[in-house]
PDB file of N, CA and C in Angstrom:
ATOM      1  N   MET A   1     123.486 113.839  94.445  1.00  0.00           N
ATOM      2  CA  MET A   1     124.653 114.707  94.524  1.00  0.00           C
ATOM      3  C   MET A   1     125.456 114.552  93.221  1.00  0.00           C
ATOM      4  N   LYS A   2     125.920 115.661  92.721  1.00  0.00           N
ATOM      5  CA  LYS A   2     126.707 115.650  91.486  1.00  0.00           C
ATOM      6  C   LYS A   2     128.150 115.227  91.795  1.00  0.00           C
ATOM      7  N   PRO A   3     128.915 114.839  90.782  1.00  0.00           N
ATOM      8  CA  PRO A   3     130.341 114.533  91.014  1.00  0.00           C
ATOM      9  C   PRO A   3     131.062 115.773  91.567  1.00  0.00           C
ATOM     10  N   PHE A   4     132.050 115.554  92.415  1.00  0.00           N
ATOM     11  CA  PHE A   4     132.730 116.664  93.090  1.00  0.00           C
ATOM     12  C   PHE A   4     133.411 117.626  92.121  1.00  0.00           C
ATOM     13  N   ASP A   5     133.915 117.121  91.007  1.00  0.00           N
ATOM     14  CA  ASP A   5     134.598 118.022  90.069  1.00  0.00           C
ATOM     15  C   ASP A   5     133.627 118.989  89.388  1.00  0.00           C
ATOM     16  N   TYR A   6     132.332 118.678  89.410  1.00  0.00           N
ATOM     17  CA  TYR A   6     131.330 119.608  88.880  1.00  0.00           C
ATOM     18  C   TYR A   6     131.388 120.935  89.623  1.00  0.00           C
ATOM     19  N   TYR A   7     131.537 120.877  90.938  1.00  0.00           N
ATOM     20  CA  TYR A   7     131.541 122.084  91.769  1.00  0.00           C
ATOM     21  C   TYR A   7     132.856 122.857  91.660  1.00  0.00           C
ATOM     22  N   ASP A   8     133.894 122.197  91.185  1.00  0.00           N
ATOM     23  CA  ASP A   8     135.226 122.812  91.069  1.00  0.00           C
ATOM     24  C   ASP A   8     135.482 123.473  89.718  1.00  0.00           C
ATOM     25  N   LYS A   9     134.579 123.294  88.773  1.00  0.00           N
ATOM     26  CA  LYS A   9     134.866 123.747  87.410  1.00  0.00           C
ATOM     27  C   LYS A   9     133.822 124.740  86.907  1.00  0.00           C
ATOM     28  N   PRO A  10     133.998 126.004  87.243  1.00  0.00           N
ATOM     29  CA  PRO A  10     133.069 126.995  86.697  1.00  0.00           C
ATOM     30  C   PRO A  10     133.243 127.120  85.189  1.00  0.00           C
ATOM     31  N   GLN A  11     132.175 127.475  84.507  1.00  0.00           N
ATOM     32  CA  GLN A  11     132.227 127.641  83.049  1.00  0.00           C
ATOM     33  C   GLN A  11     133.059 128.863  82.663  1.00  0.00           C
ATOM     34  N   THR A  12     133.046 129.876  83.529  1.00  0.00           N
ATOM     35  CA  THR A  12     133.820 131.091  83.282  1.00  0.00           C
ATOM     36  C   THR A  12     135.257 130.844  83.719  1.00  0.00           C
ATOM     37  N   LEU A  13     136.207 131.106  82.846  1.00  0.00           N
ATOM     38  CA  LEU A  13     137.613 130.937  83.188  1.00  0.00           C
ATOM     39  C   LEU A  13     138.089 132.098  84.050  1.00  0.00           C
ATOM     40  N   TYR A  14     139.083 131.819  84.899  1.00  0.00           N
ATOM     41  CA  TYR A  14     139.661 132.886  85.720  1.00  0.00           C
ATOM     42  C   TYR A  14     140.307 133.910  84.779  1.00  0.00           C
ATOM     43  N   PRO A  15     140.034 135.189  84.980  1.00  0.00           N
ATOM     44  CA  PRO A  15     140.559 136.198  84.056  1.00  0.00           C
ATOM     45  C   PRO A  15     142.063 136.398  84.186  1.00  0.00           C
ATOM     46  N   ASN A  16     142.690 136.613  83.056  1.00  0.00           N
ATOM     47  CA  ASN A  16     144.114 136.904  83.001  1.00  0.00           C
ATOM     48  C   ASN A  16     144.245 138.383  82.634  1.00  0.00           C
ATOM     49  N   LYS A  17     144.974 139.143  83.445  1.00  0.00           N
ATOM     50  CA  LYS A  17     145.110 140.580  83.177  1.00  0.00           C
ATOM     51  C   LYS A  17     145.669 140.849  81.785  1.00  0.00           C
ATOM     52  N   LYS A  18     146.515 139.950  81.316  1.00  0.00           N
ATOM     53  CA  LYS A  18     147.124 140.136  79.997  1.00  0.00           C
ATOM     54  C   LYS A  18     146.058 140.228  78.898  1.00  0.00           C
ATOM     55  N   ASP A  19     144.929 139.570  79.122  1.00  0.00           N
ATOM     56  CA  ASP A  19     143.839 139.616  78.146  1.00  0.00           C
ATOM     57  C   ASP A  19     143.228 141.006  78.026  1.00  0.00           C
ATOM     58  N   TYR A  20     143.482 141.855  79.005  1.00  0.00           N
ATOM     59  CA  TYR A  20     142.848 143.176  79.056  1.00  0.00           C
ATOM     60  C   TYR A  20     143.852 144.324  78.914  1.00  0.00           C
ATOM     61  N   ILE A  21     145.049 144.001  78.449  1.00  0.00           N
ATOM     62  CA  ILE A  21     146.087 145.026  78.263  1.00  0.00           C
ATOM     63  C   ILE A  21     146.242 145.322  76.773  1.00  0.00           C
ATOM     64  N   THR A  22     146.354 146.607  76.472  1.00  0.00           N
ATOM     65  CA  THR A  22     146.649 147.052  75.109  1.00  0.00           C
ATOM     66  C   THR A  22     147.898 147.917  75.159  1.00  0.00           C
ATOM     67  N   PHE A  23     148.795 147.703  74.217  1.00  0.00           N
ATOM     68  CA  PHE A  23     149.997 148.526  74.095  1.00  0.00           C
ATOM     69  C   PHE A  23     149.766 149.585  73.028  1.00  0.00           C
ATOM     70  N   TYR A  24     150.152 150.825  73.351  1.00  0.00           N
ATOM     71  CA  TYR A  24     150.086 151.928  72.398  1.00  0.00           C
ATOM     72  C   TYR A  24     151.505 152.430  72.183  1.00  0.00           C
ATOM     73  N   VAL A  25     151.880 152.579  70.922  1.00  0.00           N
ATOM     74  CA  VAL A  25     153.224 153.032  70.571  1.00  0.00           C
ATOM     75  C   VAL A  25     153.109 154.461  70.030  1.00  0.00           C
ATOM     76  N   TYR A  26     153.837 155.366  70.687  1.00  0.00           N
ATOM     77  CA  TYR A  26     153.803 156.787  70.299  1.00  0.00           C
ATOM     78  C   TYR A  26     155.171 157.216  69.785  1.00  0.00           C
ATOM     79  N   ASP A  27     155.170 157.967  68.683  1.00  0.00           N
ATOM     80  CA  ASP A  27     156.393 158.546  68.152  1.00  0.00           C
ATOM     81  C   ASP A  27     156.082 159.991  67.774  1.00  0.00           C
ATOM     82  N   LYS A  28     156.806 160.902  68.375  1.00  0.00           N
ATOM     83  CA  LYS A  28     156.634 162.339  68.124  1.00  0.00           C
ATOM     84  C   LYS A  28     155.189 162.785  68.386  1.00  0.00           C
ATOM     85  N   GLY A  29     154.603 162.216  69.436  1.00  0.00           N
ATOM     86  CA  GLY A  29     153.267 162.617  69.860  1.00  0.00           C
ATOM     87  C   GLY A  29     152.119 161.933  69.148  1.00  0.00           C
ATOM     88  N   ASP A  30     152.412 161.130  68.146  1.00  0.00           N
ATOM     89  CA  ASP A  30     151.350 160.444  67.404  1.00  0.00           C
ATOM     90  C   ASP A  30     151.340 158.957  67.760  1.00  0.00           C
ATOM     91  N   CYS A  31     150.159 158.415  67.880  1.00  0.00           N
ATOM     92  CA  CYS A  31     150.030 156.971  68.099  1.00  0.00           C
ATOM     93  C   CYS A  31     150.227 156.293  66.743  1.00  0.00           C
ATOM     94  N   ILE A  32     151.315 155.549  66.632  1.00  0.00           N
ATOM     95  CA  ILE A  32     151.626 154.921  65.349  1.00  0.00           C
ATOM     96  C   ILE A  32     151.249 153.442  65.302  1.00  0.00           C
ATOM     97  N   TYR A  33     150.909 152.888  66.483  1.00  0.00           N
ATOM     98  CA  TYR A  33     150.617 151.460  66.516  1.00  0.00           C
ATOM     99  C   TYR A  33     149.925 151.129  67.831  1.00  0.00           C
ATOM    100  N   SER A  34     148.987 150.197  67.792  1.00  0.00           N
ATOM    101  CA  SER A  34     148.385 149.668  69.021  1.00  0.00           C
ATOM    102  C   SER A  34     148.112 148.188  68.821  1.00  0.00           C
ATOM    103  N   GLU A  35     148.267 147.450  69.916  1.00  0.00           N
ATOM    104  CA  GLU A  35     148.097 146.006  69.807  1.00  0.00           C
ATOM    105  C   GLU A  35     147.795 145.423  71.180  1.00  0.00           C
ATOM    106  N   SER A  36     147.040 144.349  71.174  1.00  0.00           N
ATOM    107  CA  SER A  36     146.712 143.636  72.396  1.00  0.00           C
ATOM    108  C   SER A  36     147.958 142.948  72.951  1.00  0.00           C
ATOM    109  N   ALA A  37     148.031 142.847  74.266  1.00  0.00           N
ATOM    110  CA  ALA A  37     149.163 142.169  74.901  1.00  0.00           C
ATOM    111  C   ALA A  37     149.164 140.679  74.593  1.00  0.00           C
ATOM    112  N   LEU A  38     148.041 140.157  74.114  1.00  0.00           N
ATOM    113  CA  LEU A  38     147.982 138.735  73.767  1.00  0.00           C
ATOM    114  C   LEU A  38     148.876 138.412  72.579  1.00  0.00           C
ATOM    115  N   SER A  39     149.009 139.351  71.670  1.00  0.00           N
ATOM    116  CA  SER A  39     149.751 139.060  70.450  1.00  0.00           C
ATOM    117  C   SER A  39     151.171 139.628  70.445  1.00  0.00           C
ATOM    118  N   ASN A  40     151.540 140.396  71.470  1.00  0.00           N
ATOM    119  CA  ASN A  40     152.881 140.984  71.495  1.00  0.00           C
ATOM    120  C   ASN A  40     153.302 141.267  72.930  1.00  0.00           C
ATOM    121  N   THR A  41     154.599 141.520  73.121  1.00  0.00           N
ATOM    122  CA  THR A  41     155.109 141.886  74.434  1.00  0.00           C
ATOM    123  C   THR A  41     155.734 143.273  74.355  1.00  0.00           C
ATOM    124  N   LYS A  42     155.841 143.898  75.507  1.00  0.00           N
ATOM    125  CA  LYS A  42     156.401 145.246  75.556  1.00  0.00           C
ATOM    126  C   LYS A  42     157.859 145.238  75.090  1.00  0.00           C
ATOM    127  N   SER A  43     158.606 144.211  75.481  1.00  0.00           N
ATOM    128  CA  SER A  43     160.025 144.158  75.093  1.00  0.00           C
ATOM    129  C   SER A  43     160.194 143.993  73.577  1.00  0.00           C
ATOM    130  N   SER A  44     159.327 143.207  72.944  1.00  0.00           N
ATOM    131  CA  SER A  44     159.446 143.059  71.483  1.00  0.00           C
ATOM    132  C   SER A  44     159.039 144.349  70.770  1.00  0.00           C
ATOM    133  N   LEU A  45     158.080 145.077  71.348  1.00  0.00           N
ATOM    134  CA  LEU A  45     157.712 146.369  70.750  1.00  0.00           C
ATOM    135  C   LEU A  45     158.856 147.376  70.893  1.00  0.00           C
ATOM    136  N   LYS A  46     159.578 147.321  72.021  1.00  0.00           N
ATOM    137  CA  LYS A  46     160.733 148.218  72.206  1.00  0.00           C
ATOM    138  C   LYS A  46     161.808 147.924  71.165  1.00  0.00           C
ATOM    139  N   GLU A  47     161.959 146.650  70.815  1.00  0.00           N
ATOM    140  CA  GLU A  47     162.924 146.289  69.773  1.00  0.00           C
ATOM    141  C   GLU A  47     162.473 146.810  68.411  1.00  0.00           C
ATOM    142  N   ASP A  48     161.183 146.688  68.125  1.00  0.00           N
ATOM    143  CA  ASP A  48     160.647 147.116  66.837  1.00  0.00           C
ATOM    144  C   ASP A  48     160.600 148.644  66.705  1.00  0.00           C
ATOM    145  N   TYR A  49     160.378 149.330  67.827  1.00  0.00           N
ATOM    146  CA  TYR A  49     160.259 150.796  67.844  1.00  0.00           C
ATOM    147  C   TYR A  49     161.189 151.363  68.913  1.00  0.00           C
ATOM    148  N   PRO A  50     162.498 151.360  68.663  1.00  0.00           N
ATOM    149  CA  PRO A  50     163.460 151.735  69.704  1.00  0.00           C
ATOM    150  C   PRO A  50     163.362 153.189  70.178  1.00  0.00           C
ATOM    151  N   ASN A  51     162.896 154.100  69.364  1.00  0.00           N
ATOM    152  CA  ASN A  51     162.829 155.513  69.744  1.00  0.00           C
ATOM    153  C   ASN A  51     161.426 155.947  70.175  1.00  0.00           C
ATOM    154  N   ALA A  52     160.515 155.029  70.231  1.00  0.00           N
ATOM    155  CA  ALA A  52     159.125 155.356  70.538  1.00  0.00           C
ATOM    156  C   ALA A  52     158.836 155.163  72.031  1.00  0.00           C
ATOM    157  N   VAL A  53     157.736 155.756  72.459  1.00  0.00           N
ATOM    158  CA  VAL A  53     157.237 155.582  73.823  1.00  0.00           C
ATOM    159  C   VAL A  53     156.124 154.545  73.758  1.00  0.00           C
ATOM    160  N   ILE A  54     156.210 153.564  74.643  1.00  0.00           N
ATOM    161  CA  ILE A  54     155.206 152.497  74.654  1.00  0.00           C
ATOM    162  C   ILE A  54     154.397 152.601  75.935  1.00  0.00           C
ATOM    163  N   GLN A  55     153.097 152.748  75.757  1.00  0.00           N
ATOM    164  CA  GLN A  55     152.192 152.855  76.896  1.00  0.00           C
ATOM    165  C   GLN A  55     151.414 151.541  77.036  1.00  0.00           C
ATOM    166  N   GLU A  56     151.327 151.051  78.251  1.00  0.00           N
ATOM    167  CA  GLU A  56     150.596 149.828  78.552  1.00  0.00           C
ATOM    168  C   GLU A  56     149.312 150.230  79.286  1.00  0.00           C
ATOM    169  N   VAL A  57     148.153 149.899  78.706  1.00  0.00           N
ATOM    170  CA  VAL A  57     146.877 150.316  79.285  1.00  0.00           C
ATOM    171  C   VAL A  57     146.035 149.083  79.617  1.00  0.00           C
ATOM    172  N   LEU A  58     145.620 149.005  80.871  1.00  0.00           N
ATOM    173  CA  LEU A  58     144.761 147.921  81.339  1.00  0.00           C
ATOM    174  C   LEU A  58     143.309 148.397  81.330  1.00  0.00           C
ATOM    175  N   ASP A  59     142.446 147.638  80.692  1.00  0.00           N
ATOM    176  CA  ASP A  59     141.005 147.921  80.725  1.00  0.00           C
ATOM    177  C   ASP A  59     140.483 147.354  82.043  1.00  0.00           C
ATOM    178  N   GLU A  60     140.639 148.151  83.086  1.00  0.00           N
ATOM    179  CA  GLU A  60     140.352 147.687  84.447  1.00  0.00           C
ATOM    180  C   GLU A  60     138.880 147.338  84.653  1.00  0.00           C
ATOM    181  N   GLU A  61     137.984 148.100  84.053  1.00  0.00           N
ATOM    182  CA  GLU A  61     136.554 147.827  84.217  1.00  0.00           C
ATOM    183  C   GLU A  61     136.179 146.469  83.634  1.00  0.00           C
ATOM    184  N   ALA A  62     136.678 146.169  82.453  1.00  0.00           N
ATOM    185  CA  ALA A  62     136.372 144.883  81.821  1.00  0.00           C
ATOM    186  C   ALA A  62     136.997 143.740  82.615  1.00  0.00           C
ATOM    187  N   TYR A  63     138.221 143.941  83.092  1.00  0.00           N
ATOM    188  CA  TYR A  63     138.887 142.919  83.901  1.00  0.00           C
ATOM    189  C   TYR A  63     138.098 142.653  85.183  1.00  0.00           C
ATOM    190  N   LYS A  64     137.697 143.723  85.873  1.00  0.00           N
ATOM    191  CA  LYS A  64     136.944 143.565  87.125  1.00  0.00           C
ATOM    192  C   LYS A  64     135.585 142.919  86.873  1.00  0.00           C
ATOM    193  N   ALA A  65     134.951 143.235  85.760  1.00  0.00           N
ATOM    194  CA  ALA A  65     133.664 142.620  85.429  1.00  0.00           C
ATOM    195  C   ALA A  65     133.820 141.116  85.209  1.00  0.00           C
ATOM    196  N   HIS A  66     134.880 140.730  84.511  1.00  0.00           N
ATOM    197  CA  HIS A  66     135.156 139.308  84.275  1.00  0.00           C
ATOM    198  C   HIS A  66     135.463 138.607  85.597  1.00  0.00           C
ATOM    199  N   LEU A  67     136.263 139.250  86.451  1.00  0.00           N
ATOM    200  CA  LEU A  67     136.608 138.671  87.749  1.00  0.00           C
ATOM    201  C   LEU A  67     135.354 138.501  88.606  1.00  0.00           C
ATOM    202  N   LYS A  68     134.460 139.477  88.583  1.00  0.00           N
ATOM    203  CA  LYS A  68     133.213 139.392  89.349  1.00  0.00           C
ATOM    204  C   LYS A  68     132.356 138.242  88.835  1.00  0.00           C
ATOM    205  N   GLU A  69     132.280 138.105  87.520  1.00  0.00           N
ATOM    206  CA  GLU A  69     131.514 137.005  86.931  1.00  0.00           C
ATOM    207  C   GLU A  69     132.069 135.659  87.383  1.00  0.00           C
ATOM    208  N   TYR A  70     133.409 135.529  87.387  1.00  0.00           N
ATOM    209  CA  TYR A  70     134.051 134.299  87.823  1.00  0.00           C
ATOM    210  C   TYR A  70     133.750 134.011  89.299  1.00  0.00           C
ATOM    211  N   LYS A  71     133.910 135.025  90.144  1.00  0.00           N
ATOM    212  CA  LYS A  71     133.672 134.845  91.586  1.00  0.00           C
ATOM    213  C   LYS A  71     132.210 134.529  91.870  1.00  0.00           C
ATOM    214  N   ASP A  72     131.299 135.184  91.161  1.00  0.00           N
ATOM    215  CA  ASP A  72     129.869 134.909  91.344  1.00  0.00           C
ATOM    216  C   ASP A  72     129.536 133.469  90.975  1.00  0.00           C
ATOM    217  N   GLU A  73     130.126 132.984  89.894  1.00  0.00           N
ATOM    218  CA  GLU A  73     129.864 131.606  89.479  1.00  0.00           C
ATOM    219  C   GLU A  73     130.444 130.615  90.483  1.00  0.00           C
ATOM    220  N   CYS A  74     131.643 130.886  90.994  1.00  0.00           N
ATOM    221  CA  CYS A  74     132.232 130.013  92.015  1.00  0.00           C
ATOM    222  C   CYS A  74     131.378 129.995  93.272  1.00  0.00           C
ATOM    223  N   SER A  75     130.875 131.147  93.659  1.00  0.00           N
ATOM    224  CA  SER A  75     130.010 131.250  94.829  1.00  0.00           C
ATOM    225  C   SER A  75     128.716 130.459  94.618  1.00  0.00           C
ATOM    226  N   LYS A  76     128.154 130.554  93.433  1.00  0.00           N
ATOM    227  CA  LYS A  76     126.936 129.813  93.104  1.00  0.00           C
ATOM    228  C   LYS A  76     127.192 128.304  93.185  1.00  0.00           C
ATOM    229  N   LEU A  77     128.339 127.867  92.674  1.00  0.00           N
ATOM    230  CA  LEU A  77     128.670 126.437  92.727  1.00  0.00           C
ATOM    231  C   LEU A  77     128.892 125.961  94.159  1.00  0.00           C
ATOM    232  N   ARG A  78     129.536 126.806  94.996  1.00  0.00           N
ATOM    233  CA  ARG A  78     129.716 126.444  96.416  1.00  0.00           C
ATOM    234  C   ARG A  78     128.366 126.296  97.104  1.00  0.00           C
ATOM    235  N   GLN A  79     127.462 127.237  96.839  1.00  0.00           N
ATOM    236  CA  GLN A  79     126.132 127.171  97.450  1.00  0.00           C
ATOM    237  C   GLN A  79     125.357 125.960  96.943  1.00  0.00           C
ATOM    238  N   GLU A  80     125.521 125.638  95.683  1.00  0.00           N
ATOM    239  CA  GLU A  80     124.870 124.452  95.119  1.00  0.00           C
ATOM    240  C   GLU A  80     125.386 123.185  95.795  1.00  0.00           C
ATOM    241  N   PHE A  81     126.704 123.129  96.053  1.00  0.00           N
ATOM    242  CA  PHE A  81     127.285 121.989  96.768  1.00  0.00           C
ATOM    243  C   PHE A  81     126.667 121.864  98.159  1.00  0.00           C
ATOM    244  N   VAL A  82     126.588 122.978  98.873  1.00  0.00           N
ATOM    245  CA  VAL A  82     126.034 122.968 100.234  1.00  0.00           C
ATOM    246  C   VAL A  82     124.578 122.488 100.197  1.00  0.00           C
ATOM    247  N   ASN A  83     123.784 123.025  99.288  1.00  0.00           N
ATOM    248  CA  ASN A  83     122.386 122.611  99.182  1.00  0.00           C
ATOM    249  C   ASN A  83     122.265 121.121  98.860  1.00  0.00           C
ATOM    250  N   ASP A  84     123.097 120.641  97.930  1.00  0.00           N
ATOM    251  CA  ASP A  84     123.076 119.224  97.563  1.00  0.00           C
ATOM    252  C   ASP A  84     123.523 118.350  98.731  1.00  0.00           C
ATOM    253  N   LEU A  85     124.516 118.807  99.473  1.00  0.00           N
ATOM    254  CA  LEU A  85     125.011 118.063 100.637  1.00  0.00           C
ATOM    255  C   LEU A  85     123.915 117.919 101.692  1.00  0.00           C
ATOM    256  N   PHE A  86     123.273 119.021 102.021  1.00  0.00           N
ATOM    257  CA  PHE A  86     122.199 118.992 103.019  1.00  0.00           C
ATOM    258  C   PHE A  86     121.050 118.105 102.566  1.00  0.00           C
ATOM    259  N   GLU A  87     120.724 118.194 101.271  1.00  0.00           N
ATOM    260  CA  GLU A  87     119.630 117.385 100.738  1.00  0.00           C
ATOM    261  C   GLU A  87     119.979 115.902 100.775  1.00  0.00           C
ATOM    262  N   GLU A  88     121.220 115.578 100.411  1.00  0.00           N
ATOM    263  CA  GLU A  88     121.629 114.169 100.391  1.00  0.00           C
ATOM    264  C   GLU A  88     121.522 113.520 101.765  1.00  0.00           C
ATOM    265  N   PHE A  89     121.853 114.267 102.793  1.00  0.00           N
ATOM    266  CA  PHE A  89     121.825 113.713 104.145  1.00  0.00           C
ATOM    267  C   PHE A  89     120.514 114.007 104.877  1.00  0.00           C
ATOM    268  N   GLY A  90     119.581 114.659 104.193  1.00  0.00           N
ATOM    269  CA  GLY A  90     118.269 114.915 104.770  1.00  0.00           C
ATOM    270  C   GLY A  90     118.275 115.873 105.948  1.00  0.00           C
ATOM    271  N   VAL A  91     119.174 116.851 105.909  1.00  0.00           N
ATOM    272  CA  VAL A  91     119.272 117.806 107.020  1.00  0.00           C
ATOM    273  C   VAL A  91     118.986 119.241 106.566  1.00  0.00           C
ATOM    274  N   SER A  92     118.285 119.397 105.454  1.00  0.00           N
ATOM    275  CA  SER A  92     118.019 120.733 104.923  1.00  0.00           C
ATOM    276  C   SER A  92     117.299 121.642 105.909  1.00  0.00           C
ATOM    277  N   ASP A  93     116.501 121.060 106.779  1.00  0.00           N
ATOM    278  CA  ASP A  93     115.751 121.854 107.757  1.00  0.00           C
ATOM    279  C   ASP A  93     116.348 121.785 109.159  1.00  0.00           C
ATOM    280  N   ASN A  94     117.450 121.087 109.313  1.00  0.00           N
ATOM    281  CA  ASN A  94     118.060 120.934 110.634  1.00  0.00           C
ATOM    282  C   ASN A  94     118.754 122.239 111.050  1.00  0.00           C
ATOM    283  N   PRO A  95     118.439 122.778 112.226  1.00  0.00           N
ATOM    284  CA  PRO A  95     119.045 124.048 112.638  1.00  0.00           C
ATOM    285  C   PRO A  95     120.553 123.952 112.913  1.00  0.00           C
ATOM    286  N   LYS A  96     121.079 122.743 113.078  1.00  0.00           N
ATOM    287  CA  LYS A  96     122.507 122.572 113.378  1.00  0.00           C
ATOM    288  C   LYS A  96     123.334 122.254 112.128  1.00  0.00           C
ATOM    289  N   ARG A  97     122.694 122.233 110.967  1.00  0.00           N
ATOM    290  CA  ARG A  97     123.390 121.831 109.736  1.00  0.00           C
ATOM    291  C   ARG A  97     124.568 122.747 109.398  1.00  0.00           C
ATOM    292  N   ASN A  98     124.425 124.050 109.625  1.00  0.00           N
ATOM    293  CA  ASN A  98     125.501 124.990 109.284  1.00  0.00           C
ATOM    294  C   ASN A  98     126.708 124.834 110.208  1.00  0.00           C
ATOM    295  N   LYS A  99     126.465 124.493 111.471  1.00  0.00           N
ATOM    296  CA  LYS A  99     127.588 124.241 112.387  1.00  0.00           C
ATOM    297  C   LYS A  99     128.364 123.001 111.952  1.00  0.00           C
ATOM    298  N   ALA A 100     127.641 121.974 111.556  1.00  0.00           N
ATOM    299  CA  ALA A 100     128.297 120.757 111.080  1.00  0.00           C
ATOM    300  C   ALA A 100     129.073 121.039 109.792  1.00  0.00           C
ATOM    301  N   LEU A 101     128.484 121.830 108.911  1.00  0.00           N
ATOM    302  CA  LEU A 101     129.168 122.191 107.671  1.00  0.00           C
ATOM    303  C   LEU A 101     130.437 122.984 107.962  1.00  0.00           C
ATOM    304  N   HIS A 102     130.335 123.939 108.864  1.00  0.00           N
ATOM    305  CA  HIS A 102     131.498 124.748 109.219  1.00  0.00           C
ATOM    306  C   HIS A 102     132.628 123.861 109.750  1.00  0.00           C
ATOM    307  N   TYR A 103     132.298 122.921 110.600  1.00  0.00           N
ATOM    308  CA  TYR A 103     133.298 121.988 111.130  1.00  0.00           C
ATOM    309  C   TYR A 103     133.921 121.173 109.991  1.00  0.00           C
ATOM    310  N   ALA A 104     133.085 120.682 109.077  1.00  0.00           N
ATOM    311  CA  ALA A 104     133.588 119.883 107.951  1.00  0.00           C
ATOM    312  C   ALA A 104     134.503 120.716 107.059  1.00  0.00           C
ATOM    313  N   GLN A 105     134.163 121.996 106.887  1.00  0.00           N
ATOM    314  CA  GLN A 105     134.998 122.865 106.065  1.00  0.00           C
ATOM    315  C   GLN A 105     136.329 123.162 106.742  1.00  0.00           C
ATOM    316  N   GLU A 106     136.357 123.205 108.066  1.00  0.00           N
ATOM    317  CA  GLU A 106     137.617 123.416 108.781  1.00  0.00           C
ATOM    318  C   GLU A 106     138.529 122.205 108.646  1.00  0.00           C
ATOM    319  N   LYS A 107     137.953 121.022 108.568  1.00  0.00           N
ATOM    320  CA  LYS A 107     138.737 119.779 108.510  1.00  0.00           C
ATOM    321  C   LYS A 107     139.087 119.349 107.087  1.00  0.00           C
ATOM    322  N   GLY A 108     138.305 119.763 106.117  1.00  0.00           N
ATOM    323  CA  GLY A 108     138.540 119.332 104.739  1.00  0.00           C
ATOM    324  C   GLY A 108     138.842 120.499 103.823  1.00  0.00           C
ATOM    325  N   ASP A 109     139.710 120.251 102.845  1.00  0.00           N
ATOM    326  CA  ASP A 109     140.080 121.295 101.883  1.00  0.00           C
ATOM    327  C   ASP A 109     139.290 121.195 100.583  1.00  0.00           C
ATOM    328  N   SER A 110     138.993 119.994 100.168  1.00  0.00           N
ATOM    329  CA  SER A 110     138.288 119.798  98.896  1.00  0.00           C
ATOM    330  C   SER A 110     136.834 119.428  99.171  1.00  0.00           C
ATOM    331  N   TYR A 111     136.031 119.461  98.126  1.00  0.00           N
ATOM    332  CA  TYR A 111     134.626 119.094  98.283  1.00  0.00           C
ATOM    333  C   TYR A 111     134.490 117.652  98.754  1.00  0.00           C
ATOM    334  N   SER A 112     135.314 116.761  98.240  1.00  0.00           N
ATOM    335  CA  SER A 112     135.219 115.358  98.660  1.00  0.00           C
ATOM    336  C   SER A 112     135.604 115.193 100.131  1.00  0.00           C
ATOM    337  N   GLU A 113     136.613 115.936 100.602  1.00  0.00           N
ATOM    338  CA  GLU A 113     136.999 115.857 102.011  1.00  0.00           C
ATOM    339  C   GLU A 113     135.903 116.437 102.912  1.00  0.00           C
ATOM    340  N   ILE A 114     135.317 117.551 102.489  1.00  0.00           N
ATOM    341  CA  ILE A 114     134.217 118.150 103.257  1.00  0.00           C
ATOM    342  C   ILE A 114     133.049 117.173 103.329  1.00  0.00           C
ATOM    343  N   TYR A 115     132.755 116.538 102.208  1.00  0.00           N
ATOM    344  CA  TYR A 115     131.682 115.547 102.165  1.00  0.00           C
ATOM    345  C   TYR A 115     131.964 114.414 103.148  1.00  0.00           C
ATOM    346  N   ASP A 116     133.186 113.885 103.115  1.00  0.00           N
ATOM    347  CA  ASP A 116     133.547 112.767 103.996  1.00  0.00           C
ATOM    348  C   ASP A 116     133.426 113.143 105.471  1.00  0.00           C
ATOM    349  N   VAL A 117     133.936 114.308 105.846  1.00  0.00           N
ATOM    350  CA  VAL A 117     133.852 114.740 107.244  1.00  0.00           C
ATOM    351  C   VAL A 117     132.389 114.950 107.636  1.00  0.00           C
ATOM    352  N   PHE A 118     131.624 115.590 106.762  1.00  0.00           N
ATOM    353  CA  PHE A 118     130.204 115.817 107.047  1.00  0.00           C
ATOM    354  C   PHE A 118     129.487 114.481 107.226  1.00  0.00           C
ATOM    355  N   CYS A 119     129.816 113.524 106.395  1.00  0.00           N
ATOM    356  CA  CYS A 119     129.225 112.184 106.481  1.00  0.00           C
ATOM    357  C   CYS A 119     129.524 111.559 107.845  1.00  0.00           C
ATOM    358  N   ASP A 120     130.753 111.761 108.332  1.00  0.00           N
ATOM    359  CA  ASP A 120     131.145 111.185 109.620  1.00  0.00           C
ATOM    360  C   ASP A 120     130.445 111.827 110.802  1.00  0.00           C
ATOM    361  N   ILE A 121     130.077 113.107 110.702  1.00  0.00           N
ATOM    362  CA  ILE A 121     129.524 113.801 111.861  1.00  0.00           C
ATOM    363  C   ILE A 121     128.034 114.101 111.769  1.00  0.00           C
ATOM    364  N   VAL A 122     127.416 113.823 110.630  1.00  0.00           N
ATOM    365  CA  VAL A 122     126.018 114.200 110.436  1.00  0.00           C
ATOM    366  C   VAL A 122     125.102 113.537 111.477  1.00  0.00           C
ATOM    367  N   GLU A 123     125.449 112.351 111.913  1.00  0.00           N
ATOM    368  CA  GLU A 123     124.592 111.666 112.897  1.00  0.00           C
ATOM    369  C   GLU A 123     124.551 112.398 114.236  1.00  0.00           C
ATOM    370  N   LEU A 124     125.545 113.236 114.495  1.00  0.00           N
ATOM    371  CA  LEU A 124     125.552 113.998 115.744  1.00  0.00           C
ATOM    372  C   LEU A 124     124.486 115.089 115.765  1.00  0.00           C
ATOM    373  N   ILE A 125     124.057 115.544 114.587  1.00  0.00           N
ATOM    374  CA  ILE A 125     123.059 116.608 114.549  1.00  0.00           C
ATOM    375  C   ILE A 125     121.660 116.100 114.230  1.00  0.00           C
ATOM    376  N   GLU A 126     121.548 114.818 113.906  1.00  0.00           N
ATOM    377  CA  GLU A 126     120.231 114.269 113.584  1.00  0.00           C
ATOM    378  C   GLU A 126     119.417 114.083 114.860  1.00  0.00           C
ATOM    379  N   ASP A 127     118.120 114.280 114.719  1.00  0.00           N
ATOM    380  CA  ASP A 127     117.232 114.160 115.893  1.00  0.00           C
ATOM    381  C   ASP A 127     116.992 112.730 116.291  1.00  0.00           C
TER     382      ASP A 127
END
């Protein structure tokens, strides 16, 4: 079994919407400036361009793709934890293993707590 923090740390960082926002500054119908929200804020652009219209555009597709990648990786790590847990206790083929896991997940919040609860009850499902 790997250390518990391995399962808690996906390589993909949780996406920040600010990373996917671009500001467009319009004056008299022309786009005079555009910049990522990472390097500027809407209020500072209003100060720099007091008579201009500032549009905030979120690249929703890219944001959702990043979020999906993050969730998929977290799901993969959760499944890896479950597989490692079952293997460690030798219950990979036990038909009651998922019920025991479900109970452990109800009682524990972290991977280490789930492991501890599963350890305490695994003998109840062993043949």
